[in-house]
Amino acid sequence: MERRSFIKKASVGAAAGAIAAPALAQSQPTINWRLASSFPKSLDTIFGAADTFTQRVSQLTNGKFNIRVFAGGEIVPALQVMDAVQAGTVEMGHTASYYYFGKDPTFAFDCAVPFGLNSRQQTAWFDQGGGKALLREFFKDYGIVNFMGGNTGCQMGGWFRKEVKTVQDLNGLKMRIGGFAGKVMQRLGLVPQQIAGGDIYPSLEKGTIDAAEWVGPYDDEKLGFFKVAPHYYAPGWWEAGPQLSFYMGIKEWEKLPKDYQAAVEAASYEAHVVMQAEYDARNPAALARLLKNGVKLHNFSKEIMDACNKAANEVMDEEAAKNAKFKKIYEPWKRFRQDQNQWASVAEAPLQNYMITRR
């Protein structure tokens, strides 16, 4: 009798648990949001991070929290995503924070600055090195909370119609290049142009610009730059590890149930990791195809790299001297970069360099 009683009670308890879980899920609100991306759908890696994010949020909330992604230009222009989130036109955005360099150069730390951190170092700084707290405090003035939204890894230095061997070759060159890098290159005579990804090829084809940088082989091949500018340069010293970001209005964030907030945090991490993995997996084959199509691969000369590094340090030091918000992040960021480079020189860099020479 005791055994039968125990089994009966256990069965009733299990049934109650099975009923309670769906009931709890049903008690949560159904939320439908819109997310504006800065990127075209054709770029499945960089645009795809928003899809990865929204799908996981929906799964983690049992289909209760649904976010619809809109490509650049579908709701708002690609370079106005932050403005749309601020204004409440959309609840979320996916973008590169250095696009808003003109509002305040401090935004670049949420993405990339010249001769900055590589992708692993950027993630370490944001997640463990104090970067998140510093940037969240900065973004608070704009009514936005920011989340990691992917990384491309070190980018290429761009596509040029003609070879650039010396600093003098940059003088008067019109190039699509964004954020801090544009200001640095301006010191060397280059004329920077801020153009959204989907508009670069027509500008390059028509001769409106002489050169353009975007991301790397996988994306650049899709955009067809090699058809009109055969010289492909590396490295993109201005984007050693550019981090993309998800933006959310702080008021909207604070309205969310705690478990929905947890879903957002978890999904952003997953999207961040997946984007980097996709680029690392796809870039080698894409570069091989580009070279078969006659692309001429070059490294920037030491003369150009040294001049750019000098100009970058000058620009950032000058900005820190006049911009307290910038300085507040710049000083600890510089210390973190120094420590990371010292550590990389001990094991990571020597092994990587050895493996490269053993090809």
Protein backbone atom coordinates (compact mmCIF):
# COMPACT_ATOMS: atom_id res chain seq x y z
CA MET A 1 0.00 0.00 0.00
CA GLU A 2 2.84 2.40 0.87
CA ARG A 3 4.49 1.72 -2.51
CA ARG A 4 1.22 2.38 -4.39
CA SER A 5 0.68 5.58 -2.42
CA PHE A 6 4.20 6.80 -3.26
CA ILE A 7 3.77 6.08 -6.99
CA LYS A 8 0.41 7.84 -7.04
CA LYS A 9 1.81 10.94 -5.35
CA ALA A 10 4.86 11.00 -7.64
CA SER A 11 2.60 10.75 -10.71
CA VAL A 12 0.41 13.58 -9.53
CA GLY A 13 3.51 15.74 -8.83
CA ALA A 14 4.96 15.09 -12.27
CA ALA A 15 1.67 15.92 -13.97
CA ALA A 16 1.41 19.15 -12.00
CA GLY A 17 4.92 20.12 -13.09
CA ALA A 18 4.10 19.42 -16.72
CA ILE A 19 1.05 21.66 -16.49
CA ALA A 20 2.81 24.43 -14.56
CA ALA A 21 5.62 25.02 -17.06
CA PRO A 22 3.38 25.89 -20.04
CA ALA A 23 1.13 27.92 -17.78
CA LEU A 24 4.12 30.00 -16.68
CA ALA A 25 5.19 30.52 -20.30
CA GLN A 26 1.66 31.55 -21.25
CA SER A 27 1.66 34.17 -18.50
CA GLN A 28 4.52 36.07 -20.16
CA PRO A 29 3.59 38.86 -22.59
CA THR A 30 3.81 38.50 -26.36
CA ILE A 31 6.13 41.21 -27.69
CA ASN A 32 6.72 42.13 -31.33
CA TRP A 33 9.57 44.49 -32.11
CA ARG A 34 11.38 45.82 -35.16
CA LEU A 35 15.15 45.88 -35.63
CA ALA A 36 16.78 48.15 -38.23
CA SER A 37 20.09 46.90 -39.65
CA SER A 38 22.79 49.02 -41.27
CA PHE A 39 23.58 46.18 -43.68
CA PRO A 40 22.10 44.72 -46.89
CA LYS A 41 20.55 41.25 -46.91
CA SER A 42 22.99 40.13 -49.61
CA LEU A 43 25.77 40.05 -47.00
CA ASP A 44 24.65 36.96 -45.14
CA THR A 45 27.50 37.11 -42.60
CA ILE A 46 27.20 40.65 -41.31
CA PHE A 47 23.45 41.02 -41.86
CA GLY A 48 22.98 37.43 -40.72
CA ALA A 49 24.06 38.21 -37.17
CA ALA A 50 20.75 39.98 -36.63
CA ASP A 51 18.90 36.90 -37.91
CA THR A 52 20.87 34.65 -35.55
CA PHE A 53 20.07 36.98 -32.67
CA THR A 54 16.34 37.30 -33.32
CA GLN A 55 15.82 33.58 -33.92
CA ARG A 56 17.48 32.71 -30.62
CA VAL A 57 15.51 35.32 -28.69
CA SER A 58 12.30 33.81 -30.06
CA GLN A 59 13.39 30.26 -29.20
CA LEU A 60 14.49 31.19 -25.69
CA THR A 61 11.14 32.85 -24.95
CA ASN A 62 8.96 30.08 -26.43
CA GLY A 63 7.99 32.29 -29.36
CA LYS A 64 6.75 35.10 -27.13
CA PHE A 65 9.39 37.71 -27.93
CA ASN A 66 9.67 38.22 -31.68
CA ILE A 67 11.90 40.74 -33.41
CA ARG A 68 11.64 41.37 -37.15
CA VAL A 69 14.82 42.43 -38.95
CA PHE A 70 14.83 45.10 -41.66
CA ALA A 71 17.83 45.64 -43.94
CA GLY A 72 19.53 48.98 -44.36
CA GLY A 73 17.22 51.41 -46.15
CA GLU A 74 14.00 49.43 -45.64
CA ILE A 75 12.83 51.53 -42.67
CA VAL A 76 15.63 54.03 -42.20
CA PRO A 77 18.86 54.79 -44.11
CA ALA A 78 21.71 52.44 -43.23
CA LEU A 79 23.74 55.11 -41.45
CA GLN A 80 20.82 56.41 -39.37
CA VAL A 81 20.09 53.31 -37.30
CA MET A 82 21.17 54.90 -34.04
CA ASP A 83 18.93 57.91 -34.66
CA ALA A 84 15.99 55.59 -35.30
CA VAL A 85 16.54 53.75 -31.99
CA GLN A 86 16.90 57.05 -30.13
CA ALA A 87 13.70 58.41 -31.65
CA GLY A 88 11.76 55.21 -30.97
CA THR A 89 11.11 54.64 -34.67
CA VAL A 90 12.36 51.10 -34.03
CA GLU A 91 13.02 49.32 -30.76
CA MET A 92 16.39 47.90 -31.83
CA GLY A 93 19.23 48.36 -34.26
CA HIS A 94 22.25 46.44 -35.54
CA THR A 95 25.11 48.63 -36.66
CA ALA A 96 28.76 49.64 -36.40
CA SER A 97 29.17 52.29 -33.72
CA TYR A 98 31.98 54.08 -35.51
CA TYR A 99 29.42 55.17 -38.11
CA TYR A 100 28.46 57.80 -35.53
CA PHE A 101 31.97 59.16 -35.19
CA GLY A 102 30.65 62.55 -36.30
CA LYS A 103 28.42 62.77 -33.22
CA ASP A 104 31.31 61.91 -30.91
CA PRO A 105 34.56 60.05 -31.74
CA THR A 106 34.09 58.10 -28.49
CA PHE A 107 31.60 55.86 -30.33
CA ALA A 108 34.53 54.27 -32.15
CA PHE A 109 35.64 52.38 -29.03
CA ASP A 110 32.45 50.30 -29.32
CA CYS A 111 33.66 49.15 -32.74
CA ALA A 112 37.28 49.83 -33.71
CA VAL A 113 39.93 52.53 -33.62
CA PRO A 114 43.13 52.67 -35.71
CA PHE A 115 45.86 50.23 -34.67
CA GLY A 116 43.51 48.93 -32.01
CA LEU A 117 42.53 45.57 -30.55
CA ASN A 118 42.11 42.40 -32.56
CA SER A 119 38.79 40.57 -32.36
CA ARG A 120 39.66 38.40 -29.36
CA GLN A 121 41.16 41.35 -27.52
CA GLN A 122 38.15 43.52 -28.28
CA THR A 123 35.81 40.87 -26.88
CA ALA A 124 38.05 40.48 -23.82
CA TRP A 125 38.12 44.24 -23.24
CA PHE A 126 34.36 44.64 -23.61
CA ASP A 127 33.38 41.55 -21.62
CA GLN A 128 36.12 41.28 -18.98
CA GLY A 129 38.35 44.35 -19.21
CA GLY A 130 35.94 47.07 -18.14
CA GLY A 131 34.87 48.14 -21.62
CA LYS A 132 31.20 47.29 -21.18
CA ALA A 133 30.78 49.47 -18.08
CA LEU A 134 32.60 52.41 -19.69
CA LEU A 135 30.61 52.19 -22.91
CA ARG A 136 27.26 51.63 -21.21
CA GLU A 137 27.85 54.81 -19.21
CA PHE A 138 28.67 56.69 -22.44
CA PHE A 139 25.66 55.30 -24.35
CA LYS A 140 23.33 56.19 -21.48
CA ASP A 141 23.49 59.84 -22.58
CA TYR A 142 21.95 58.74 -25.88
CA GLY A 143 19.20 56.66 -24.29
CA ILE A 144 20.69 53.42 -25.62
CA VAL A 145 21.99 50.18 -24.12
CA ASN A 146 24.53 48.37 -26.32
CA PHE A 147 25.30 44.65 -26.72
CA MET A 148 28.04 42.82 -28.61
CA GLY A 149 26.73 41.98 -32.06
CA GLY A 150 29.52 40.25 -33.96
CA ASN A 151 33.06 40.79 -35.17
CA THR A 152 34.63 40.41 -38.61
CA GLY A 153 38.21 39.86 -37.52
CA CYS A 154 40.99 41.99 -38.99
CA GLN A 155 39.71 43.59 -42.16
CA MET A 156 41.41 44.21 -45.47
CA GLY A 157 42.87 47.58 -46.43
CA GLY A 158 40.59 48.08 -49.39
CA TRP A 159 40.34 48.18 -53.17
CA PHE A 160 42.28 50.69 -55.27
CA ARG A 161 42.15 51.49 -58.96
CA LYS A 162 45.90 52.12 -58.96
CA GLU A 163 48.77 50.97 -56.78
CA VAL A 164 49.67 53.04 -53.74
CA LYS A 165 53.33 52.62 -52.82
CA THR A 166 54.14 55.85 -51.00
CA VAL A 167 52.39 58.38 -48.79
CA GLN A 168 52.40 60.76 -51.74
CA ASP A 169 50.22 58.30 -53.69
CA LEU A 170 47.45 58.88 -51.15
CA ASN A 171 47.33 62.62 -51.75
CA GLY A 172 44.02 63.64 -53.32
CA LEU A 173 42.70 60.07 -53.42
CA LYS A 174 38.94 59.83 -52.77
CA MET A 175 38.25 56.75 -50.67
CA ARG A 176 35.25 55.25 -48.97
CA ILE A 177 36.55 54.89 -45.44
CA GLY A 178 34.66 55.52 -42.23
CA GLY A 179 35.11 56.80 -38.72
CA PHE A 180 38.48 57.51 -37.20
CA ALA A 181 40.41 56.10 -40.14
CA GLY A 182 39.03 58.79 -42.42
CA LYS A 183 40.27 61.52 -40.12
CA VAL A 184 43.69 59.89 -39.89
CA MET A 185 44.02 59.44 -43.65
CA GLN A 186 42.92 63.02 -44.17
CA ARG A 187 46.19 64.10 -42.59
CA LEU A 188 48.02 62.27 -45.35
CA GLY A 189 46.07 64.05 -48.08
CA LEU A 190 43.38 61.42 -48.70
CA VAL A 191 39.76 62.59 -49.09
CA PRO A 192 37.52 60.28 -46.96
CA GLN A 193 33.97 59.43 -47.97
CA GLN A 194 31.34 57.86 -45.68
CA ILE A 195 29.18 55.60 -47.86
CA ALA A 196 26.85 52.77 -46.81
CA GLY A 197 27.79 49.24 -47.86
CA GLY A 198 25.12 48.88 -50.54
CA ASP A 199 26.18 52.12 -52.25
CA ILE A 200 29.93 51.51 -52.50
CA TYR A 201 30.07 49.59 -55.78
CA PRO A 202 28.15 52.18 -57.85
CA SER A 203 30.37 54.95 -56.47
CA LEU A 204 33.51 52.99 -57.33
CA GLU A 205 32.21 52.00 -60.76
CA LYS A 206 31.27 55.57 -61.71
CA GLY A 207 34.58 56.97 -60.52
CA THR A 208 32.98 59.04 -57.77
CA ILE A 209 35.61 57.47 -55.53
CA ASP A 210 39.06 56.04 -56.34
CA ALA A 211 39.21 53.42 -53.63
CA ALA A 212 37.01 51.72 -51.05
CA GLU A 213 37.30 49.51 -48.00
CA TRP A 214 34.55 47.29 -46.69
CA VAL A 215 35.28 44.10 -44.75
CA GLY A 216 37.20 41.22 -46.30
CA PRO A 217 37.26 38.65 -49.12
CA TYR A 218 33.92 36.93 -48.46
CA ASP A 219 31.86 40.12 -48.40
CA ASP A 220 34.00 42.05 -50.88
CA GLU A 221 33.63 39.30 -53.47
CA LYS A 222 29.85 39.47 -53.15
CA LEU A 223 29.90 43.23 -53.67
CA GLY A 224 32.03 42.85 -56.82
CA PHE A 225 34.68 45.49 -56.09
CA PHE A 226 37.34 43.48 -57.95
CA LYS A 227 35.55 44.18 -61.24
CA VAL A 228 36.40 47.89 -61.11
CA ALA A 229 39.40 48.15 -58.75
CA PRO A 230 41.94 45.33 -59.14
CA HIS A 231 44.44 46.24 -56.40
CA TYR A 232 43.57 44.68 -53.05
CA TYR A 233 45.50 45.90 -50.02
CA ALA A 234 46.13 44.62 -46.49
CA PRO A 235 45.97 45.09 -43.60
CA GLY A 236 43.04 47.24 -42.56
CA TRP A 237 45.00 48.85 -39.72
CA TRP A 238 41.94 50.89 -38.78
CA GLU A 239 39.89 47.73 -38.09
CA ALA A 240 42.00 45.11 -36.36
CA GLY A 241 38.91 43.63 -34.70
CA PRO A 242 35.78 45.71 -35.37
CA GLN A 243 32.87 44.84 -33.13
CA LEU A 244 29.30 45.24 -34.36
CA SER A 245 26.61 46.18 -31.87
CA PHE A 246 22.96 45.66 -31.12
CA TYR A 247 21.28 48.83 -29.86
CA MET A 248 18.16 48.94 -27.74
CA GLY A 249 16.38 51.92 -26.27
CA ILE A 250 17.00 51.97 -22.50
CA LYS A 251 13.30 52.55 -21.79
CA GLU A 252 12.37 49.55 -23.92
CA TRP A 253 15.05 47.44 -22.22
CA GLU A 254 13.79 48.31 -18.76
CA LYS A 255 10.22 47.31 -19.68
CA LEU A 256 11.25 43.76 -20.59
CA PRO A 257 10.65 40.87 -18.15
CA LYS A 258 13.88 39.65 -16.59
CA ASP A 259 13.86 36.36 -18.48
CA TYR A 260 13.45 38.25 -21.77
CA GLN A 261 16.44 40.39 -20.82
CA ALA A 262 18.40 37.20 -20.14
CA ALA A 263 17.39 35.90 -23.59
CA VAL A 264 18.68 39.10 -25.22
CA GLU A 265 22.01 38.81 -23.40
CA ALA A 266 22.44 35.14 -24.34
CA ALA A 267 21.38 35.63 -27.97
CA SER A 268 23.73 38.57 -28.47
CA TYR A 269 26.68 36.46 -27.29
CA GLU A 270 25.74 33.67 -29.68
CA ALA A 271 25.36 36.03 -32.64
CA HIS A 272 28.70 37.59 -31.75
CA VAL A 273 30.55 34.26 -31.81
CA VAL A 274 28.80 32.94 -34.92
CA MET A 275 29.69 35.97 -37.06
CA GLN A 276 33.39 35.69 -36.30
CA ALA A 277 33.36 31.95 -36.98
CA GLU A 278 31.63 32.44 -40.33
CA TYR A 279 34.15 35.01 -41.52
CA ASP A 280 37.13 32.92 -40.41
CA ALA A 281 35.71 29.86 -42.20
CA ARG A 282 34.74 31.61 -45.45
CA ASN A 283 37.43 34.22 -46.10
CA PRO A 284 40.24 31.85 -47.24
CA ALA A 285 38.25 30.30 -50.10
CA ALA A 286 36.88 33.70 -51.13
CA LEU A 287 40.39 35.17 -51.33
CA ALA A 288 41.53 32.23 -53.45
CA ARG A 289 38.66 32.85 -55.88
CA LEU A 290 39.48 36.55 -56.08
CA LEU A 291 43.11 35.82 -56.90
CA LYS A 292 42.00 33.44 -59.67
CA ASN A 293 39.96 36.33 -61.09
CA GLY A 294 43.10 38.41 -61.48
CA VAL A 295 43.04 40.42 -58.26
CA LYS A 296 46.46 41.82 -57.36
CA LEU A 297 47.18 41.39 -53.65
CA HIS A 298 49.44 43.90 -51.89
CA ASN A 299 50.58 44.88 -48.41
CA PHE A 300 50.75 48.54 -47.53
CA SER A 301 54.39 49.66 -47.54
CA LYS A 302 56.21 50.28 -44.27
CA GLU A 303 56.36 53.95 -45.20
CA ILE A 304 52.58 54.14 -45.41
CA MET A 305 52.03 52.07 -42.25
CA ASP A 306 54.47 54.18 -40.22
CA ALA A 307 52.93 57.43 -41.43
CA CYS A 308 49.41 56.19 -40.65
CA ASN A 309 50.42 54.98 -37.18
CA LYS A 310 52.00 58.36 -36.37
CA ALA A 311 48.95 60.25 -37.63
CA ALA A 312 46.59 57.94 -35.70
CA ASN A 313 48.38 58.54 -32.42
CA GLU A 314 48.34 62.28 -33.00
CA VAL A 315 44.63 62.33 -33.81
CA MET A 316 43.66 60.25 -30.78
CA ASP A 317 45.87 62.21 -28.38
CA GLU A 318 44.42 65.48 -29.66
CA GLU A 319 40.88 64.17 -29.24
CA ALA A 320 41.62 63.03 -25.69
CA ALA A 321 42.96 66.50 -24.85
CA LYS A 322 39.68 68.18 -25.77
CA ASN A 323 37.03 65.48 -25.20
CA ALA A 324 36.63 64.29 -21.59
CA LYS A 325 34.34 61.40 -22.57
CA PHE A 326 36.86 60.16 -25.08
CA LYS A 327 39.75 60.45 -22.62
CA LYS A 328 37.85 58.55 -19.92
CA ILE A 329 37.80 55.47 -22.16
CA TYR A 330 41.02 56.08 -24.10
CA GLU A 331 43.38 55.98 -21.11
CA PRO A 332 42.33 52.58 -19.65
CA TRP A 333 41.87 51.23 -23.20
CA LYS A 334 45.49 52.09 -24.04
CA ARG A 335 46.74 50.27 -20.96
CA PHE A 336 44.65 47.23 -21.87
CA ARG A 337 46.03 47.27 -25.45
CA GLN A 338 49.60 47.44 -24.16
CA ASP A 339 49.09 44.50 -21.81
CA GLN A 340 47.40 42.45 -24.52
CA ASN A 341 50.17 43.07 -27.05
CA GLN A 342 52.82 42.14 -24.51
CA TRP A 343 51.00 38.90 -23.72
CA ALA A 344 50.45 38.10 -27.43
CA SER A 345 54.20 38.51 -28.05
CA VAL A 346 54.98 35.73 -25.55
CA ALA A 347 53.19 32.76 -27.11
CA GLU A 348 50.40 33.56 -29.57
CA ALA A 349 52.30 35.71 -32.08
CA PRO A 350 55.49 33.57 -32.20
CA LEU A 351 53.50 30.39 -32.81
CA GLN A 352 51.28 32.03 -35.45
CA ASN A 353 54.28 33.52 -37.23
CA TYR A 354 56.10 30.19 -37.18
CA MET A 355 53.10 28.36 -38.63
CA ILE A 356 52.77 30.96 -41.38
CA THR A 357 56.41 30.62 -42.39
CA ARG A 358 55.99 26.81 -42.51
CA ARG A 359 53.35 27.02 -45.25
